[in-house]
Amino acid sequence: MLQNERREIILQKLASEKSVRTTELCELFNISRQTAHKDIDFLASEGKLKKVHGGGIIEKKSAEPPFQSRNNLHLIQKEAIVKKAVEYVQNGDTIYLDIGTTINHMLPHLKNISDLTIITNSVYVAYILGNNENISIILSGGIMRSTELSLSGSMSMQNLERYYVDKSFFGIGGFSNTIGYTDYHIEESDIRRLMLNHSNKSIALLDYSKFDVLAISQFAKIDEIDVVVTDEDAPEESIKLLREADVHVDVVDI
């Protein structure tokens, strides 16, 4: 395969999946890591991707990617991240669970935790865990966004204002080294901000593809989240920045 053809395929893969990994390119094209790095370096120099540790990403997204495409991406990273995140949940805890595909991967790991109370604005969370005898579910109420099965709006905010939790777990639309944590839906960001302020400990779950991505609505500054759980391909610069801001960062192996 010619070099230009290979790079065109990389761009197509990037357009559909929003990120590419060096190891995936080596397997896809049967090329060396050095050749894959050269392709990524070239495309970065052309402004067609942003180079990150382990591959490349689209730096900014103007619209939220569809749920189904996000749900099928970075499955290995998400599974490793949620296994680490669940270690923060103890028997008898009251926790807040955000919406999002990474949070959804967390749900099977919560079923064996005793006397757990979950507050959420996710209809999906309530559906998956609602018949578990160990778990009590409190839904926020509000207007449902059908594409995400998420609840938001003034009713959600009013209902959630009365609740305080031991830990809150957030999915992230994007993380910027200058802006902090952002998301695509303004009213859902308002709920995140509220529950962040009503939590003893806040924990953000984000794989490497969420770094250097700026969504429309900020819900937390860099130092306002207590714990970040991410994977080994997250940019070293961002991890260093977070730790300098006294954020505890768990980097999971893939």
Protein backbone atom coordinates (compact mmCIF):
# COMPACT_ATOMS: atom_id res chain seq x y z
CA MET A 1 0.00 0.00 0.00
CA LEU A 2 1.29 3.44 -0.93
CA GLN A 3 2.08 5.91 1.83
CA ASN A 4 -0.59 8.40 0.72
CA GLU A 5 -3.24 5.69 0.58
CA ARG A 6 -2.36 4.59 4.09
CA ARG A 7 -2.59 8.12 5.44
CA GLU A 8 -5.96 8.63 3.76
CA ILE A 9 -7.26 5.52 5.51
CA ILE A 10 -5.92 6.87 8.81
CA LEU A 11 -7.90 10.09 8.26
CA GLN A 12 -11.04 8.10 7.47
CA LYS A 13 -10.58 6.09 10.65
CA LEU A 14 -10.02 9.31 12.59
CA ALA A 15 -13.21 10.85 11.18
CA SER A 16 -15.34 7.90 12.24
CA GLU A 17 -13.71 7.05 15.58
CA LYS A 18 -12.31 10.49 16.62
CA SER A 19 -8.96 8.90 17.56
CA VAL A 20 -6.33 6.46 16.31
CA ARG A 21 -3.78 4.41 18.23
CA THR A 22 -0.29 3.60 17.03
CA THR A 23 -0.68 -0.07 17.94
CA GLU A 24 -3.92 -0.29 15.94
CA LEU A 25 -2.23 1.20 12.88
CA CYS A 26 0.63 -1.29 13.14
CA GLU A 27 -1.83 -4.19 13.12
CA LEU A 28 -4.08 -2.68 10.43
CA PHE A 29 -1.30 -1.96 7.92
CA ASN A 30 1.30 -4.49 9.09
CA ILE A 31 3.82 -1.69 9.59
CA SER A 32 6.40 -0.88 12.25
CA ARG A 33 5.75 1.49 15.14
CA GLN A 34 8.33 3.83 13.62
CA THR A 35 6.37 4.02 10.37
CA ALA A 36 3.10 4.55 12.24
CA HIS A 37 4.71 7.40 14.24
CA LYS A 38 5.92 8.99 11.00
CA ASP A 39 2.40 8.89 9.56
CA ILE A 40 0.96 10.49 12.69
CA ASP A 41 3.74 13.11 12.77
CA PHE A 42 3.07 14.01 9.14
CA LEU A 43 -0.69 14.32 9.62
CA ALA A 44 -0.12 16.40 12.75
CA SER A 45 2.18 18.73 10.80
CA GLU A 46 -0.63 19.16 8.26
CA GLY A 47 -3.05 20.11 11.05
CA LYS A 48 -5.26 17.10 10.38
CA LEU A 49 -4.91 15.58 13.85
CA LYS A 50 -3.40 16.31 17.24
CA LYS A 51 -0.60 13.98 18.27
CA VAL A 52 -0.98 12.49 21.75
CA HIS A 53 0.86 9.76 23.62
CA GLY A 54 -0.02 6.51 21.87
CA GLY A 55 -1.66 7.96 18.76
CA GLY A 56 -3.65 10.92 17.50
CA ILE A 57 -7.03 12.58 18.09
CA ILE A 58 -9.32 15.24 16.72
CA GLU A 59 -8.66 18.18 19.03
CA LYS A 60 -12.10 19.78 18.99
CA LYS A 61 -15.61 18.57 18.32
CA SER A 62 -18.40 20.99 17.50
CA ALA A 63 -21.16 18.48 18.21
CA GLU A 64 -21.62 15.52 20.48
CA PRO A 65 -20.86 12.23 18.68
CA PRO A 66 -23.85 9.83 18.48
CA PHE A 67 -24.37 7.56 21.49
CA GLN A 68 -23.97 4.31 19.56
CA SER A 69 -20.64 5.30 18.01
CA ARG A 70 -19.30 6.39 21.42
CA ASN A 71 -20.59 3.26 23.10
CA ASN A 72 -18.51 1.03 20.83
CA LEU A 73 -15.26 3.00 21.07
CA HIS A 74 -12.29 2.41 23.38
CA LEU A 75 -13.90 -0.56 25.10
CA ILE A 76 -10.65 -1.89 26.54
CA GLN A 77 -9.81 1.49 28.05
CA LYS A 78 -13.31 1.98 29.45
CA GLU A 79 -13.37 -1.43 31.09
CA ALA A 80 -10.00 -0.89 32.77
CA ILE A 81 -11.06 2.59 33.92
CA VAL A 82 -14.35 1.50 35.46
CA LYS A 83 -12.74 -1.42 37.32
CA LYS A 84 -10.45 1.08 39.00
CA ALA A 85 -13.27 3.54 39.65
CA VAL A 86 -15.41 0.92 41.40
CA GLU A 87 -12.66 0.48 43.98
CA TYR A 88 -13.76 3.83 45.40
CA VAL A 89 -17.27 2.52 46.15
CA GLN A 90 -17.81 0.93 49.57
CA ASN A 91 -20.70 -0.95 51.13
CA GLY A 92 -23.30 1.49 52.45
CA ASP A 93 -22.24 4.39 50.21
CA THR A 94 -24.56 6.92 48.65
CA ILE A 95 -23.22 7.84 45.23
CA TYR A 96 -24.18 9.96 42.25
CA LEU A 97 -23.84 8.39 38.80
CA ASP A 98 -23.67 10.63 35.78
CA ILE A 99 -24.79 9.71 32.28
CA GLY A 100 -22.42 8.50 29.58
CA THR A 101 -21.00 5.40 27.96
CA THR A 102 -18.08 5.03 30.39
CA ILE A 103 -20.40 5.28 33.40
CA ASN A 104 -22.63 2.64 31.79
CA HIS A 105 -19.70 0.22 31.67
CA MET A 106 -19.39 0.69 35.42
CA LEU A 107 -22.84 -0.68 36.22
CA PRO A 108 -22.20 -4.47 36.23
CA HIS A 109 -19.39 -3.96 38.72
CA LEU A 110 -21.73 -2.32 41.24
CA LYS A 111 -24.17 -5.21 41.61
CA ASN A 112 -22.27 -6.96 44.42
CA ILE A 113 -21.91 -3.87 46.62
CA SER A 114 -24.21 -4.03 49.64
CA ASP A 115 -26.59 -1.32 50.83
CA LEU A 116 -25.75 1.02 47.95
CA THR A 117 -27.86 4.09 47.20
CA ILE A 118 -27.52 5.58 43.72
CA ILE A 119 -28.79 9.02 42.76
CA THR A 120 -28.79 9.59 39.02
CA ASN A 121 -30.28 11.47 36.10
CA SER A 122 -29.77 8.45 33.85
CA VAL A 123 -32.83 6.37 32.97
CA TYR A 124 -30.44 3.69 31.68
CA VAL A 125 -28.76 3.39 35.09
CA ALA A 126 -32.14 2.97 36.77
CA TYR A 127 -33.22 0.37 34.23
CA ILE A 128 -30.07 -1.76 34.54
CA LEU A 129 -29.70 -1.64 38.33
CA GLY A 130 -33.30 -1.06 39.43
CA ASN A 131 -34.11 -4.71 40.15
CA ASN A 132 -31.03 -5.32 42.30
CA GLU A 133 -31.94 -5.93 45.95
CA ASN A 134 -28.65 -4.45 47.17
CA ILE A 135 -29.24 -1.11 45.48
CA SER A 136 -31.71 1.74 46.00
CA ILE A 137 -32.21 4.09 43.05
CA ILE A 138 -33.27 7.73 43.24
CA LEU A 139 -34.05 9.25 39.82
CA SER A 140 -33.81 13.00 39.40
CA GLY A 141 -36.93 13.38 37.28
CA GLY A 142 -37.07 16.03 34.59
CA ILE A 143 -37.18 16.19 30.81
CA MET A 144 -35.71 13.16 29.06
CA ARG A 145 -33.25 13.45 26.19
CA SER A 146 -34.13 10.30 24.25
CA THR A 147 -30.78 9.85 22.51
CA GLU A 148 -29.00 9.54 25.86
CA LEU A 149 -31.86 8.47 28.16
CA SER A 150 -30.80 11.40 30.35
CA LEU A 151 -32.94 13.68 32.52
CA SER A 152 -32.35 17.40 32.99
CA GLY A 153 -34.08 20.74 33.35
CA SER A 154 -35.47 22.74 36.26
CA MET A 155 -37.32 19.77 37.78
CA SER A 156 -34.11 17.75 37.90
CA MET A 157 -32.22 20.61 39.51
CA GLN A 158 -34.90 21.21 42.14
CA ASN A 159 -35.13 17.54 43.05
CA LEU A 160 -31.37 17.03 43.26
CA GLU A 161 -30.73 20.11 45.40
CA ARG A 162 -31.90 18.22 48.51
CA TYR A 163 -29.42 15.34 48.11
CA TYR A 164 -25.79 14.99 49.19
CA VAL A 165 -23.59 12.01 48.37
CA ASP A 166 -20.39 10.33 49.52
CA LYS A 167 -18.97 10.14 46.00
CA SER A 168 -19.96 11.33 42.56
CA PHE A 169 -18.84 9.71 39.30
CA PHE A 170 -18.79 11.82 36.17
CA GLY A 171 -18.49 11.04 32.49
CA ILE A 172 -16.64 13.73 30.57
CA GLY A 173 -17.33 15.24 27.16
CA GLY A 174 -13.88 16.75 26.95
CA PHE A 175 -10.91 17.95 28.99
CA SER A 176 -8.84 21.02 28.18
CA ASN A 177 -5.59 21.96 29.89
CA THR A 178 -6.78 25.57 30.04
CA ILE A 179 -10.57 25.28 30.54
CA GLY A 180 -10.97 22.07 32.53
CA TYR A 181 -13.91 19.67 32.23
CA THR A 182 -16.57 20.34 29.61
CA ASP A 183 -19.67 18.73 28.13
CA TYR A 184 -21.99 19.15 25.16
CA HIS A 185 -25.32 19.67 26.91
CA ILE A 186 -25.70 22.84 28.97
CA GLU A 187 -28.49 21.70 31.30
CA GLU A 188 -26.73 18.40 31.99
CA SER A 189 -23.59 20.37 32.80
CA ASP A 190 -25.64 22.31 35.36
CA ILE A 191 -26.57 19.02 37.04
CA ARG A 192 -22.95 17.92 37.08
CA ARG A 193 -21.94 21.19 38.71
CA LEU A 194 -24.67 20.83 41.35
CA MET A 195 -23.72 17.27 42.27
CA LEU A 196 -20.02 18.14 42.23
CA ASN A 197 -20.77 20.66 44.96
CA HIS A 198 -22.91 18.11 46.85
CA SER A 199 -20.23 15.39 46.96
CA ASN A 200 -17.60 14.53 49.54
CA LYS A 201 -15.43 13.14 46.73
CA SER A 202 -15.74 13.70 42.98
CA ILE A 203 -14.34 11.22 40.47
CA ALA A 204 -14.06 11.77 36.71
CA LEU A 205 -13.77 8.85 34.30
CA LEU A 206 -12.19 9.63 30.93
CA ASP A 207 -10.15 7.70 28.42
CA TYR A 208 -7.30 9.23 26.42
CA SER A 209 -9.55 10.38 23.55
CA LYS A 210 -11.30 12.94 25.80
CA PHE A 211 -8.13 14.97 26.37
CA ASP A 212 -7.57 18.11 24.28
CA VAL A 213 -11.28 18.13 23.46
CA LEU A 214 -13.32 21.26 24.18
CA ALA A 215 -17.10 20.88 24.36
CA ILE A 216 -19.51 23.80 24.68
CA SER A 217 -20.17 23.94 28.43
CA GLN A 218 -17.66 23.99 31.31
CA PHE A 219 -18.84 22.28 34.47
CA ALA A 220 -15.62 22.12 36.49
CA LYS A 221 -12.21 23.75 36.57
CA ILE A 222 -9.08 21.63 36.59
CA ASP A 223 -8.67 21.60 40.37
CA GLU A 224 -12.37 21.10 41.22
CA ILE A 225 -12.40 17.34 40.61
CA ASP A 226 -10.77 15.23 43.33
CA VAL A 227 -9.87 12.12 41.33
CA VAL A 228 -9.32 11.43 37.63
CA VAL A 229 -9.24 7.84 36.38
CA THR A 230 -7.76 7.48 32.91
CA ASP A 231 -5.64 5.13 30.83
CA GLU A 232 -1.97 4.94 29.98
CA ASP A 233 -2.41 6.70 26.62
CA ALA A 234 -3.58 9.94 28.25
CA PRO A 235 -1.23 12.87 27.47
CA GLU A 236 1.62 13.12 29.96
CA GLU A 237 1.35 16.91 29.90
CA SER A 238 -2.28 16.78 31.09
CA ILE A 239 -1.54 14.21 33.79
CA LYS A 240 1.30 16.38 35.09
CA LEU A 241 -0.96 19.44 35.07
CA LEU A 242 -3.66 17.64 37.04
CA ARG A 243 -1.25 16.36 39.65
CA GLU A 244 0.27 19.81 40.07
CA ALA A 245 -3.29 21.01 40.81
CA ASP A 246 -3.49 18.39 43.64
CA VAL A 247 -5.83 16.15 41.66
CA HIS A 248 -5.27 12.45 42.33
CA VAL A 249 -4.77 10.72 38.98
CA ASP A 250 -5.14 6.96 38.57
CA VAL A 251 -3.56 5.80 35.32
CA VAL A 252 -4.66 2.27 34.47
CA ASP A 253 -2.66 -0.16 32.35
CA ILE A 254 -4.18 -1.48 29.14
